[in-house]
Structure formats: structure tokens, C-alpha cells
């Protein structure tokens, strides 16, 4: 490698029109533990986020102790993708952590 030059990252093979196998991981857990951060960090595509600003409507409903500085929350789910190879794709879903959204967990499973 010549000093001062930079190498381009290896090109990814684009996902075919229809992967033969799709696998799904649903990331669940308590409020503010990092589910959205995980999906954002590992997804090869720009992740779909449904994060919204927390409002007064959640006061007394959502347990926010320990995450006092948190200002946004997932209100539906996060979605990302990782291509394991040309024929296998891993779909990532991050579920909201508040108890009032737990009904979504069953739908994502």
C-alpha cells in the first residue's frame, strides 16, 4: 500500500431479487437498554426507525427510572438487514420496551 492512499472497502454482492432463505431476529428487552442502538449499529441498510420524542402522555405510564436523560422512544419497531451471503439474509426487528407496547412483541414473533 502506498503511503497516503486509501483503499476502497470490499464491494458487497447486492442481494438477489429473492433470497432463498430469510432468517429473523427479534430484539426485545426493557425500556432504554439499547435495542434501537443495536439494530442501527449492525444493519447494512439504513434502518427503519419509529423513534419519536417522549411526551407528557407517557409520564406515570412508562417506567423511566435509570434513563432520565432519554428523550426519544421507539413506538412501533426498528428494522434492519444483514446479508449473510448471496442467498441468506438476516432481518432484524427491534421491539419497543415499554409494557404498553408488549402486544407488538407477539406480532413480531
C-alpha atoms as a PDB file:
ATOM      1  CA  UNK A   1       0.000   0.000   0.000  1.00  0.00           C
ATOM      2  CA  UNK A   2       1.348   3.399  -0.968  1.00  0.00           C
ATOM      3  CA  UNK A   3       1.624   5.844   1.906  1.00  0.00           C
ATOM      4  CA  UNK A   4      -1.129   8.461   1.901  1.00  0.00           C
ATOM      5  CA  UNK A   5      -3.536   6.485  -0.277  1.00  0.00           C
ATOM      6  CA  UNK A   6      -6.682   4.865   0.952  1.00  0.00           C
ATOM      7  CA  UNK A   7      -8.164   1.569  -0.090  1.00  0.00           C
ATOM      8  CA  UNK A   8     -11.793   1.264  -1.061  1.00  0.00           C
ATOM      9  CA  UNK A   9     -13.829  -1.142   1.053  1.00  0.00           C
ATOM     10  CA  UNK A  10     -14.609  -4.514  -0.472  1.00  0.00           C
ATOM     11  CA  UNK A  11     -17.730  -4.366  -2.625  1.00  0.00           C
ATOM     12  CA  UNK A  12     -20.722  -6.243  -1.264  1.00  0.00           C
ATOM     13  CA  UNK A  13     -22.591  -8.502  -3.602  1.00  0.00           C
ATOM     14  CA  UNK A  14     -26.061  -6.999  -3.940  1.00  0.00           C
ATOM     15  CA  UNK A  15     -28.912  -9.047  -2.514  1.00  0.00           C
ATOM     16  CA  UNK A  16     -30.599 -11.003  -5.290  1.00  0.00           C
ATOM     17  CA  UNK A  17     -34.202 -10.235  -6.152  1.00  0.00           C
ATOM     18  CA  UNK A  18     -35.324 -13.003  -3.832  1.00  0.00           C
ATOM     19  CA  UNK A  19     -33.069 -14.551  -1.221  1.00  0.00           C
ATOM     20  CA  UNK A  20     -33.595 -18.270  -0.831  1.00  0.00           C
ATOM     21  CA  UNK A  21     -33.629 -18.091   2.951  1.00  0.00           C
ATOM     22  CA  UNK A  22     -34.720 -15.295   5.241  1.00  0.00           C
ATOM     23  CA  UNK A  23     -33.967 -15.503   8.942  1.00  0.00           C
ATOM     24  CA  UNK A  24     -35.451 -13.198  11.560  1.00  0.00           C
ATOM     25  CA  UNK A  25     -34.151 -11.979  14.899  1.00  0.00           C
ATOM     26  CA  UNK A  26     -36.449 -10.007  17.163  1.00  0.00           C
ATOM     27  CA  UNK A  27     -34.570  -7.944  19.741  1.00  0.00           C
ATOM     28  CA  UNK A  28     -36.653  -7.407  22.879  1.00  0.00           C
ATOM     29  CA  UNK A  29     -35.882  -6.092  26.313  1.00  0.00           C
ATOM     30  CA  UNK A  30     -36.619  -3.383  28.804  1.00  0.00           C
ATOM     31  CA  UNK A  31     -37.003   0.306  28.129  1.00  0.00           C
ATOM     32  CA  UNK A  32     -33.746   2.074  27.272  1.00  0.00           C
ATOM     33  CA  UNK A  33     -31.462  -0.990  27.116  1.00  0.00           C
ATOM     34  CA  UNK A  34     -30.149  -0.367  23.568  1.00  0.00           C
ATOM     35  CA  UNK A  35     -32.367  -2.296  21.153  1.00  0.00           C
ATOM     36  CA  UNK A  36     -32.541   0.577  18.646  1.00  0.00           C
ATOM     37  CA  UNK A  37     -28.813   1.199  19.011  1.00  0.00           C
ATOM     38  CA  UNK A  38     -28.101  -2.464  18.249  1.00  0.00           C
ATOM     39  CA  UNK A  39     -30.206  -2.511  15.077  1.00  0.00           C
ATOM     40  CA  UNK A  40     -28.696   0.794  13.899  1.00  0.00           C
ATOM     41  CA  UNK A  41     -25.171  -0.437  14.601  1.00  0.00           C
ATOM     42  CA  UNK A  42     -25.246  -3.722  12.713  1.00  0.00           C
ATOM     43  CA  UNK A  43     -27.673  -3.139   9.835  1.00  0.00           C
ATOM     44  CA  UNK A  44     -26.142  -2.990   6.354  1.00  0.00           C
ATOM     45  CA  UNK A  45     -29.028  -0.838   5.138  1.00  0.00           C
ATOM     46  CA  UNK A  46     -30.284   2.427   6.536  1.00  0.00           C
ATOM     47  CA  UNK A  47     -32.534   1.082   9.300  1.00  0.00           C
ATOM     48  CA  UNK A  48     -36.197   1.911   9.581  1.00  0.00           C
ATOM     49  CA  UNK A  49     -36.780   3.665  12.892  1.00  0.00           C
ATOM     50  CA  UNK A  50     -40.051   4.625  14.512  1.00  0.00           C
ATOM     51  CA  UNK A  51     -38.479   6.718  17.234  1.00  0.00           C
ATOM     52  CA  UNK A  52     -40.482   9.679  18.482  1.00  0.00           C
ATOM     53  CA  UNK A  53     -39.998  12.328  21.144  1.00  0.00           C
ATOM     54  CA  UNK A  54     -41.277  11.263  24.545  1.00  0.00           C
ATOM     55  CA  UNK A  55     -44.212  13.353  25.718  1.00  0.00           C
ATOM     56  CA  UNK A  56     -46.146  14.014  28.895  1.00  0.00           C
ATOM     57  CA  UNK A  57     -48.595  11.272  27.847  1.00  0.00           C
ATOM     58  CA  UNK A  58     -46.067   8.659  28.975  1.00  0.00           C
ATOM     59  CA  UNK A  59     -45.496  10.180  32.424  1.00  0.00           C
ATOM     60  CA  UNK A  60     -46.832   7.790  35.040  1.00  0.00           C
ATOM     61  CA  UNK A  61     -47.393   5.130  32.350  1.00  0.00           C
ATOM     62  CA  UNK A  62     -43.838   4.301  31.283  1.00  0.00           C
ATOM     63  CA  UNK A  63     -41.164   3.341  33.803  1.00  0.00           C
ATOM     64  CA  UNK A  64     -38.247   5.673  33.014  1.00  0.00           C
ATOM     65  CA  UNK A  65     -36.110   5.333  36.128  1.00  0.00           C
ATOM     66  CA  UNK A  66     -32.475   4.855  35.218  1.00  0.00           C
ATOM     67  CA  UNK A  67     -32.870   6.515  31.813  1.00  0.00           C
ATOM     68  CA  UNK A  68     -33.754  10.030  32.922  1.00  0.00           C
ATOM     69  CA  UNK A  69     -31.816  11.669  30.065  1.00  0.00           C
ATOM     70  CA  UNK A  70     -33.658   9.666  27.373  1.00  0.00           C
ATOM     71  CA  UNK A  71     -35.772  11.932  25.169  1.00  0.00           C
ATOM     72  CA  UNK A  72     -36.971   9.596  22.405  1.00  0.00           C
ATOM     73  CA  UNK A  73     -38.541   6.153  22.287  1.00  0.00           C
ATOM     74  CA  UNK A  74     -39.484   3.502  19.737  1.00  0.00           C
ATOM     75  CA  UNK A  75     -43.243   3.462  19.153  1.00  0.00           C
ATOM     76  CA  UNK A  76     -43.609   0.586  16.660  1.00  0.00           C
ATOM     77  CA  UNK A  77     -40.372  -1.249  15.789  1.00  0.00           C
ATOM     78  CA  UNK A  78     -36.927  -0.848  14.267  1.00  0.00           C
ATOM     79  CA  UNK A  79     -35.956  -2.813  11.165  1.00  0.00           C
ATOM     80  CA  UNK A  80     -32.559  -3.640   9.696  1.00  0.00           C
ATOM     81  CA  UNK A  81     -30.943  -6.237   7.486  1.00  0.00           C
ATOM     82  CA  UNK A  82     -27.699  -8.184   7.223  1.00  0.00           C
ATOM     83  CA  UNK A  83     -26.878 -10.257   4.124  1.00  0.00           C
ATOM     84  CA  UNK A  84     -25.047 -13.335   5.335  1.00  0.00           C
ATOM     85  CA  UNK A  85     -24.279 -14.365   1.754  1.00  0.00           C
ATOM     86  CA  UNK A  86     -25.928 -14.071  -1.679  1.00  0.00           C
ATOM     87  CA  UNK A  87     -28.739 -16.437  -0.707  1.00  0.00           C
ATOM     88  CA  UNK A  88     -29.280 -15.910   3.024  1.00  0.00           C
ATOM     89  CA  UNK A  89     -30.471 -12.692   4.613  1.00  0.00           C
ATOM     90  CA  UNK A  90     -30.980 -11.878   8.296  1.00  0.00           C
ATOM     91  CA  UNK A  91     -33.819  -9.490   9.146  1.00  0.00           C
ATOM     92  CA  UNK A  92     -33.542  -7.594  12.434  1.00  0.00           C
ATOM     93  CA  UNK A  93     -36.538  -6.255  14.331  1.00  0.00           C
ATOM     94  CA  UNK A  94     -36.188  -4.133  17.472  1.00  0.00           C
ATOM     95  CA  UNK A  95     -39.330  -4.034  19.599  1.00  0.00           C
ATOM     96  CA  UNK A  96     -40.301  -1.180  21.931  1.00  0.00           C
ATOM     97  CA  UNK A  97     -39.554  -1.838  25.587  1.00  0.00           C
ATOM     98  CA  UNK A  98     -42.460  -0.179  27.379  1.00  0.00           C
ATOM     99  CA  UNK A  99     -45.076  -2.533  28.783  1.00  0.00           C
ATOM    100  CA  UNK A 100     -47.860  -0.757  26.863  1.00  0.00           C
ATOM    101  CA  UNK A 101     -46.215  -1.881  23.600  1.00  0.00           C
ATOM    102  CA  UNK A 102     -45.616  -5.519  24.559  1.00  0.00           C
ATOM    103  CA  UNK A 103     -48.571  -6.628  22.395  1.00  0.00           C
ATOM    104  CA  UNK A 104     -46.319  -5.857  19.405  1.00  0.00           C
ATOM    105  CA  UNK A 105     -43.805  -8.468  20.527  1.00  0.00           C
ATOM    106  CA  UNK A 106     -46.225 -11.289  19.664  1.00  0.00           C
ATOM    107  CA  UNK A 107     -46.868  -9.759  16.237  1.00  0.00           C
ATOM    108  CA  UNK A 108     -43.149  -9.529  15.504  1.00  0.00           C
ATOM    109  CA  UNK A 109     -42.559 -13.144  16.569  1.00  0.00           C
END
